[in-house]
Amino acid sequence: MSDEIAGVRMPDSELAREATDLVWEVASPLLFDHSRRVFVWGSLRGRQQGLDFDPELLYVGAMFHDLGLTERFRRTDQRFEIDGADEARRFLQQRGITGERADRVWTSIALHTTPEIPLRMAPEVALVTRGVELDVLGIGYDAVSEEQRAAVVAAHPRPDFKNRILATFTDGLKDRPATTFGNVKADVLAHFRPGLEPPDFVEVIRNSDWPE
């Protein structure tokens, strides 16, 4: 794997290498390449905005953000974002990174599918979301140059990525539709697994225990 992609130095500390090895072991090539791209996109956007961010923390956030979609780390009782966030915090704490720094990574993963809010938080939190938004939704596509895009995709290709990432989302959510309540992943199930809808917000209010 390249030490530098589109002018972004890939972290090569022991922590980063262990994060890379873990994700390589448990994730599909699709998710591994996606996660590496998220780090590079986030780093490039951070440079553009003049943000002071910790590359190691951003790297762990980017690499772990979709662990909740993998067979080893997925659960059925909570949002997939929390699966990955919890594992990232455990991973960091086991290596002596605790407190606010570990919480920053947890938040970057837990909120990466929540529009707007993470962009107003710590740089690492904002930049995981920036990276995900660029790679999955194309938000900020023109904020990086054609040459930068070509270099990133050459290092971590995205063959049929749109269809394959949607299939990966669907597979990771099909056993826990209720966890998509109030978040963007409800749209994935509505498209690809009709009938597995999360609770309806209006009906939750109407059917609450309040008597009026």
Protein backbone atom coordinates (compact mmCIF):
# COMPACT_ATOMS: atom_id res chain seq x y z
CA MET A 1 0.00 0.00 0.00
CA SER A 2 1.17 3.50 -0.76
CA ASP A 3 2.85 5.55 1.96
CA GLU A 4 1.50 8.71 0.35
CA ILE A 5 -1.69 9.20 -1.64
CA ALA A 6 -2.56 12.46 -3.40
CA GLY A 7 0.02 14.22 -1.26
CA VAL A 8 -1.43 12.83 1.98
CA ARG A 9 0.99 10.88 4.14
CA MET A 10 -0.70 7.71 5.39
CA PRO A 11 -0.07 7.17 9.12
CA ASP A 12 2.51 4.48 9.77
CA SER A 13 2.68 4.38 13.55
CA GLU A 14 2.20 1.11 15.41
CA LEU A 15 -1.35 2.23 16.25
CA ALA A 16 -2.15 2.94 12.61
CA ARG A 17 -0.62 -0.33 11.42
CA GLU A 18 -2.68 -2.30 13.95
CA ALA A 19 -5.83 -0.47 12.86
CA THR A 20 -5.04 -1.22 9.23
CA ASP A 21 -4.40 -4.89 9.96
CA LEU A 22 -7.64 -5.27 11.91
CA VAL A 23 -9.79 -3.72 9.20
CA TRP A 24 -7.98 -5.70 6.49
CA GLU A 25 -8.75 -8.88 8.40
CA VAL A 26 -12.45 -8.34 9.10
CA ALA A 27 -13.74 -6.11 6.28
CA SER A 28 -14.36 -6.76 2.62
CA PRO A 29 -11.96 -5.18 0.11
CA LEU A 30 -14.81 -2.80 -0.74
CA LEU A 31 -15.00 -1.49 2.83
CA PHE A 32 -11.25 -1.48 3.31
CA ASP A 33 -10.64 0.64 0.21
CA HIS A 34 -13.59 2.89 1.06
CA SER A 35 -12.24 3.49 4.57
CA ARG A 36 -8.77 4.36 3.32
CA ARG A 37 -10.28 6.80 0.82
CA VAL A 38 -12.33 8.39 3.59
CA PHE A 39 -9.10 9.18 5.45
CA VAL A 40 -7.50 10.77 2.39
CA TRP A 41 -10.59 12.79 1.45
CA GLY A 42 -10.96 13.96 5.03
CA SER A 43 -7.30 14.96 5.19
CA LEU A 44 -7.50 16.89 1.93
CA ARG A 45 -10.64 18.73 3.05
CA GLY A 46 -9.04 19.47 6.41
CA ARG A 47 -6.01 21.02 4.73
CA GLN A 48 -8.24 23.17 2.54
CA GLN A 49 -10.07 24.45 5.59
CA GLY A 50 -6.91 25.04 7.58
CA LEU A 51 -7.98 22.64 10.32
CA ASP A 52 -5.54 21.37 12.93
CA PHE A 53 -6.34 17.68 13.20
CA ASP A 54 -4.63 14.60 14.58
CA PRO A 55 -3.92 12.29 11.60
CA GLU A 56 -3.82 9.17 13.79
CA LEU A 57 -7.20 9.84 15.35
CA LEU A 58 -8.68 10.71 11.98
CA TYR A 59 -7.23 7.50 10.56
CA VAL A 60 -8.76 5.29 13.25
CA GLY A 61 -12.10 7.05 12.83
CA ALA A 62 -12.00 6.57 9.07
CA MET A 63 -10.83 2.97 9.20
CA PHE A 64 -13.34 1.88 11.86
CA HIS A 65 -16.37 3.87 10.72
CA ASP A 66 -18.01 0.93 8.92
CA LEU A 67 -16.90 -1.92 11.19
CA GLY A 68 -20.52 -2.30 12.28
CA LEU A 69 -21.28 -3.62 8.79
CA THR A 70 -18.79 -6.49 9.14
CA GLU A 71 -19.77 -9.95 10.27
CA ARG A 72 -17.47 -9.89 13.28
CA PHE A 73 -18.59 -6.59 14.77
CA ARG A 74 -22.21 -6.18 13.69
CA ARG A 75 -24.94 -6.42 16.30
CA THR A 76 -28.71 -6.36 15.92
CA ASP A 77 -29.68 -4.24 18.92
CA GLN A 78 -28.11 -0.88 18.04
CA ARG A 79 -27.12 1.31 15.11
CA PHE A 80 -24.21 0.05 13.04
CA GLU A 81 -22.45 3.36 13.61
CA ILE A 82 -22.34 2.63 17.34
CA ASP A 83 -20.93 -0.84 16.70
CA GLY A 84 -17.91 0.70 15.01
CA ALA A 85 -17.63 3.56 17.50
CA ASP A 86 -17.63 1.21 20.47
CA GLU A 87 -14.97 -1.00 18.93
CA ALA A 88 -12.79 2.00 18.08
CA ARG A 89 -12.92 3.23 21.67
CA ARG A 90 -12.03 -0.25 22.97
CA PHE A 91 -9.18 -0.46 20.48
CA LEU A 92 -7.79 2.91 21.56
CA GLN A 93 -8.23 2.32 25.28
CA GLN A 94 -6.35 -0.98 25.04
CA ARG A 95 -3.45 1.03 23.61
CA GLY A 96 -3.48 3.74 26.25
CA ILE A 97 -5.56 6.35 24.42
CA THR A 98 -8.41 7.26 26.74
CA GLY A 99 -10.59 10.17 27.77
CA GLU A 100 -11.38 12.98 25.38
CA ARG A 101 -9.18 11.67 22.55
CA ALA A 102 -10.91 8.30 22.52
CA ASP A 103 -14.29 10.02 22.86
CA ARG A 104 -13.46 12.20 19.85
CA VAL A 105 -12.96 9.12 17.69
CA TRP A 106 -16.11 7.51 19.08
CA THR A 107 -18.10 10.61 18.16
CA SER A 108 -16.60 10.81 14.68
CA ILE A 109 -17.88 7.32 13.92
CA ALA A 110 -21.20 7.49 15.76
CA LEU A 111 -22.22 10.67 13.92
CA HIS A 112 -20.81 10.02 10.47
CA THR A 113 -24.25 9.49 8.90
CA THR A 114 -25.85 12.44 10.70
CA PRO A 115 -26.08 15.50 8.44
CA GLU A 116 -24.64 18.86 9.51
CA ILE A 117 -24.02 18.29 13.22
CA PRO A 118 -20.54 16.66 13.02
CA LEU A 119 -19.34 19.43 10.72
CA ARG A 120 -19.63 21.82 13.66
CA MET A 121 -17.62 19.67 16.03
CA ALA A 122 -13.94 18.79 16.56
CA PRO A 123 -11.87 18.57 13.35
CA GLU A 124 -11.52 14.78 13.45
CA VAL A 125 -15.29 14.43 13.89
CA ALA A 126 -16.00 16.80 11.02
CA LEU A 127 -13.44 15.26 8.70
CA VAL A 128 -14.62 11.66 9.01
CA THR A 129 -18.01 12.95 7.88
CA ARG A 130 -16.42 15.04 5.12
CA GLY A 131 -14.60 11.96 3.86
CA VAL A 132 -17.68 9.76 3.96
CA GLU A 133 -19.83 12.38 2.27
CA LEU A 134 -17.35 12.81 -0.55
CA ASP A 135 -16.82 9.09 -1.14
CA VAL A 136 -20.43 7.93 -0.84
CA LEU A 137 -22.55 10.96 -1.75
CA GLY A 138 -20.17 12.99 -3.91
CA ILE A 139 -20.52 16.01 -1.62
CA GLY A 140 -17.38 18.08 -2.11
CA TYR A 141 -16.44 16.26 -5.32
CA ASP A 142 -15.17 19.46 -6.93
CA ALA A 143 -13.41 20.57 -3.76
CA VAL A 144 -10.58 18.18 -4.66
CA SER A 145 -8.82 18.30 -7.99
CA GLU A 146 -9.18 15.82 -10.80
CA GLU A 147 -5.56 14.80 -10.25
CA GLN A 148 -6.18 14.16 -6.56
CA ARG A 149 -9.28 12.10 -7.31
CA ALA A 150 -7.36 10.04 -9.87
CA ALA A 151 -4.51 9.38 -7.43
CA VAL A 152 -6.84 8.26 -4.64
CA VAL A 153 -8.87 5.96 -6.88
CA ALA A 154 -5.70 4.51 -8.40
CA ALA A 155 -4.50 3.57 -4.91
CA HIS A 156 -7.90 2.34 -3.71
CA PRO A 157 -10.19 1.56 -6.66
CA ARG A 158 -13.96 1.75 -6.54
CA PRO A 159 -15.34 -0.71 -9.12
CA ASP A 160 -19.16 -0.48 -9.23
CA PHE A 161 -18.91 1.18 -5.82
CA LYS A 162 -22.36 2.79 -5.79
CA ASN A 163 -24.22 -0.49 -6.23
CA ARG A 164 -21.88 -2.52 -4.05
CA ILE A 165 -21.92 -0.12 -1.09
CA LEU A 166 -25.72 -0.04 -1.20
CA ALA A 167 -25.75 -3.85 -1.15
CA THR A 168 -23.34 -3.79 1.81
CA PHE A 169 -25.55 -1.34 3.70
CA THR A 170 -28.60 -3.49 3.02
CA ASP A 171 -26.90 -6.66 4.23
CA GLY A 172 -25.68 -4.93 7.39
CA LEU A 173 -29.11 -3.53 8.25
CA LYS A 174 -31.52 -6.28 7.24
CA ASP A 175 -31.55 -7.87 10.71
CA ARG A 176 -32.04 -4.60 12.60
CA PRO A 177 -34.48 -2.35 10.73
CA ALA A 178 -35.58 -0.64 13.95
CA THR A 179 -32.09 0.80 14.36
CA THR A 180 -32.55 2.90 11.21
CA PHE A 181 -35.33 4.90 12.91
CA GLY A 182 -34.63 8.59 12.41
CA ASN A 183 -31.54 8.18 10.25
CA VAL A 184 -30.59 8.06 6.59
CA LYS A 185 -30.21 4.30 6.46
CA ALA A 186 -34.00 3.94 6.60
CA ASP A 187 -33.93 4.94 2.92
CA VAL A 188 -31.70 1.96 2.11
CA LEU A 189 -34.19 -0.55 3.50
CA ALA A 190 -37.12 1.27 1.89
CA HIS A 191 -35.45 0.79 -1.50
CA PHE A 192 -34.00 -2.69 -1.16
CA ARG A 193 -35.97 -4.44 1.59
CA PRO A 194 -39.50 -3.03 1.49
CA GLY A 195 -41.44 -4.25 4.48
CA LEU A 196 -38.50 -3.87 6.85
CA GLU A 197 -39.32 -0.29 7.73
CA PRO A 198 -38.28 1.22 11.06
CA PRO A 199 -40.94 2.54 13.43
CA ASP A 200 -42.89 5.52 12.12
CA PHE A 201 -42.21 8.69 14.15
CA VAL A 202 -45.78 9.93 13.85
CA GLU A 203 -47.16 6.60 15.03
CA VAL A 204 -44.70 6.49 17.92
CA ILE A 205 -46.14 9.80 19.14
CA ARG A 206 -49.75 8.74 18.58
CA ASN A 207 -49.24 5.42 20.37
CA SER A 208 -47.30 6.71 23.34
CA ASP A 209 -48.65 6.16 26.85
CA TRP A 210 -49.87 9.74 27.18
CA PRO A 211 -53.67 9.71 27.37
CA GLU A 212 -54.57 12.75 25.28
